[in-house]
Amino acid sequence: MSDAVIRVEAEVRDRLATLADARGMSIAGLLQEFAESTLTEEERREAFARRQQDRAAGS
C-alpha cells in the first residue's frame, strides 16, 4: 500500500474524522470504503443497462 497526502480544509478533515469515528474506523479506511463503493456516472449507466438486459432476458 502506498501513502498519499490529500489537502483539505480543517473543517473537512474534522468532518471526515467524525464520520470515521462513528464507524469505528480511520479516515484512511473511510476514504477507502468510499472509493470502493462509489460508482462513476458511466459505471451507474452500465449497471443500469445490465439490469435492464437481465430483466428483458427473464421475461
N, C-alpha and C. Protein backbone atom coordinates (compact mmCIF):
# COMPACT_ATOMS: atom_id res chain seq x y z
N MET A 1 0.85 -1.17 0.00
CA MET A 1 0.00 0.00 0.00
C MET A 1 0.90 1.23 0.00
N SER A 2 0.51 2.21 -0.78
CA SER A 2 1.28 3.45 -0.81
C SER A 2 0.54 4.54 -0.04
N ASP A 3 1.29 5.52 0.39
CA ASP A 3 0.71 6.65 1.12
C ASP A 3 0.48 7.80 0.16
N ALA A 4 -0.52 8.61 0.46
CA ALA A 4 -0.80 9.81 -0.31
C ALA A 4 -1.21 10.91 0.66
N VAL A 5 -0.92 12.13 0.28
CA VAL A 5 -1.33 13.28 1.07
C VAL A 5 -2.43 13.99 0.30
N ILE A 6 -3.55 14.19 0.96
CA ILE A 6 -4.67 14.91 0.36
C ILE A 6 -4.93 16.13 1.22
N ARG A 7 -4.83 17.30 0.63
CA ARG A 7 -5.04 18.53 1.39
C ARG A 7 -6.51 18.93 1.33
N VAL A 8 -7.08 19.11 2.50
CA VAL A 8 -8.47 19.57 2.62
C VAL A 8 -8.52 20.62 3.72
N GLU A 9 -9.58 21.39 3.70
CA GLU A 9 -9.79 22.38 4.75
C GLU A 9 -9.93 21.66 6.10
N ALA A 10 -9.61 22.35 7.16
CA ALA A 10 -9.69 21.77 8.51
C ALA A 10 -11.09 21.26 8.82
N GLU A 11 -12.11 21.99 8.36
CA GLU A 11 -13.48 21.58 8.62
C GLU A 11 -13.80 20.25 7.94
N VAL A 12 -13.27 20.05 6.75
CA VAL A 12 -13.48 18.79 6.03
C VAL A 12 -12.76 17.66 6.76
N ARG A 13 -11.54 17.91 7.18
CA ARG A 13 -10.78 16.91 7.94
C ARG A 13 -11.54 16.52 9.21
N ASP A 14 -12.06 17.52 9.90
CA ASP A 14 -12.81 17.25 11.13
C ASP A 14 -14.07 16.44 10.85
N ARG A 15 -14.74 16.75 9.76
CA ARG A 15 -15.95 16.01 9.39
C ARG A 15 -15.60 14.56 9.04
N LEU A 16 -14.53 14.37 8.29
CA LEU A 16 -14.08 13.01 7.96
C LEU A 16 -13.74 12.24 9.23
N ALA A 17 -13.08 12.90 10.17
CA ALA A 17 -12.72 12.25 11.43
C ALA A 17 -13.97 11.86 12.21
N THR A 18 -14.98 12.72 12.23
CA THR A 18 -16.23 12.41 12.91
C THR A 18 -16.93 11.22 12.27
N LEU A 19 -17.01 11.23 10.94
CA LEU A 19 -17.65 10.12 10.22
C LEU A 19 -16.90 8.81 10.45
N ALA A 20 -15.58 8.87 10.38
CA ALA A 20 -14.77 7.67 10.58
C ALA A 20 -14.93 7.15 12.00
N ASP A 21 -14.89 8.03 12.97
CA ASP A 21 -15.03 7.63 14.37
C ASP A 21 -16.38 6.97 14.63
N ALA A 22 -17.42 7.52 14.03
CA ALA A 22 -18.76 6.96 14.21
C ALA A 22 -18.86 5.55 13.65
N ARG A 23 -18.00 5.24 12.69
CA ARG A 23 -17.99 3.90 12.08
C ARG A 23 -16.91 3.00 12.66
N GLY A 24 -16.16 3.55 13.62
CA GLY A 24 -15.10 2.77 14.24
C GLY A 24 -13.94 2.49 13.32
N MET A 25 -13.62 3.45 12.46
CA MET A 25 -12.53 3.26 11.52
C MET A 25 -11.69 4.51 11.40
N SER A 26 -10.59 4.41 10.69
CA SER A 26 -9.72 5.56 10.46
C SER A 26 -10.25 6.37 9.27
N ILE A 27 -9.73 7.58 9.12
CA ILE A 27 -10.08 8.38 7.95
C ILE A 27 -9.64 7.65 6.69
N ALA A 28 -8.46 7.04 6.71
CA ALA A 28 -7.99 6.29 5.55
C ALA A 28 -8.96 5.16 5.21
N GLY A 29 -9.43 4.46 6.22
CA GLY A 29 -10.40 3.39 5.99
C GLY A 29 -11.70 3.91 5.43
N LEU A 30 -12.15 5.05 5.94
CA LEU A 30 -13.38 5.68 5.44
C LEU A 30 -13.23 6.04 3.97
N LEU A 31 -12.12 6.66 3.62
CA LEU A 31 -11.89 7.06 2.23
C LEU A 31 -11.77 5.84 1.32
N GLN A 32 -11.13 4.79 1.80
CA GLN A 32 -11.02 3.57 1.01
C GLN A 32 -12.40 2.97 0.77
N GLU A 33 -13.21 2.92 1.82
CA GLU A 33 -14.57 2.39 1.69
C GLU A 33 -15.37 3.21 0.69
N PHE A 34 -15.26 4.51 0.77
CA PHE A 34 -15.96 5.40 -0.16
C PHE A 34 -15.52 5.14 -1.60
N ALA A 35 -14.21 5.07 -1.81
CA ALA A 35 -13.67 4.88 -3.16
C ALA A 35 -14.10 3.54 -3.74
N GLU A 36 -14.18 2.52 -2.90
CA GLU A 36 -14.54 1.19 -3.38
C GLU A 36 -16.04 1.04 -3.63
N SER A 37 -16.85 1.84 -2.97
CA SER A 37 -18.30 1.66 -3.06
C SER A 37 -19.01 2.71 -3.92
N THR A 38 -18.31 3.72 -4.35
CA THR A 38 -18.94 4.79 -5.11
C THR A 38 -18.69 4.58 -6.60
N LEU A 39 -19.78 4.61 -7.37
CA LEU A 39 -19.68 4.40 -8.81
C LEU A 39 -19.59 5.73 -9.54
N THR A 40 -18.89 5.72 -10.67
CA THR A 40 -18.90 6.87 -11.56
C THR A 40 -20.22 6.88 -12.32
N GLU A 41 -20.52 7.97 -12.98
CA GLU A 41 -21.75 8.05 -13.78
C GLU A 41 -21.75 6.96 -14.85
N GLU A 42 -20.64 6.74 -15.49
CA GLU A 42 -20.55 5.69 -16.52
C GLU A 42 -20.80 4.31 -15.93
N GLU A 43 -20.23 4.04 -14.76
CA GLU A 43 -20.45 2.75 -14.10
C GLU A 43 -21.92 2.56 -13.72
N ARG A 44 -22.58 3.64 -13.30
CA ARG A 44 -24.01 3.56 -12.97
C ARG A 44 -24.84 3.25 -14.21
N ARG A 45 -24.51 3.91 -15.33
CA ARG A 45 -25.23 3.66 -16.57
C ARG A 45 -25.06 2.21 -17.02
N GLU A 46 -23.82 1.71 -16.94
CA GLU A 46 -23.54 0.33 -17.34
C GLU A 46 -24.30 -0.66 -16.46
N ALA A 47 -24.32 -0.42 -15.17
CA ALA A 47 -25.04 -1.31 -14.24
C ALA A 47 -26.54 -1.28 -14.54
N PHE A 48 -27.07 -0.10 -14.82
CA PHE A 48 -28.49 0.02 -15.15
C PHE A 48 -28.80 -0.75 -16.43
N ALA A 49 -27.95 -0.59 -17.45
CA ALA A 49 -28.16 -1.29 -18.72
C ALA A 49 -28.11 -2.81 -18.51
N ARG A 50 -27.19 -3.29 -17.68
CA ARG A 50 -27.13 -4.73 -17.40
C ARG A 50 -28.40 -5.21 -16.71
N ARG A 51 -28.91 -4.43 -15.77
CA ARG A 51 -30.16 -4.82 -15.09
C ARG A 51 -31.32 -4.86 -16.07
N GLN A 52 -31.37 -3.89 -16.96
CA GLN A 52 -32.43 -3.86 -17.97
C GLN A 52 -32.34 -5.09 -18.87
N GLN A 53 -31.12 -5.46 -19.28
CA GLN A 53 -30.92 -6.64 -20.12
C GLN A 53 -31.33 -7.90 -19.38
N ASP A 54 -30.96 -7.99 -18.10
CA ASP A 54 -31.32 -9.16 -17.30
C ASP A 54 -32.84 -9.28 -17.17
N ARG A 55 -33.51 -8.17 -16.97
CA ARG A 55 -34.97 -8.19 -16.86
C ARG A 55 -35.60 -8.62 -18.18
N ALA A 56 -35.08 -8.08 -19.28
CA ALA A 56 -35.63 -8.42 -20.59
C ALA A 56 -35.41 -9.90 -20.90
N ALA A 57 -34.28 -10.44 -20.51
CA ALA A 57 -33.98 -11.85 -20.76
C ALA A 57 -34.85 -12.75 -19.89
N GLY A 58 -35.26 -12.25 -18.74
CA GLY A 58 -36.07 -13.04 -17.82
C GLY A 58 -37.55 -13.04 -18.15
N SER A 59 -37.98 -12.15 -19.05
CA SER A 59 -39.41 -12.10 -19.33
C SER A 59 -39.82 -12.94 -20.50
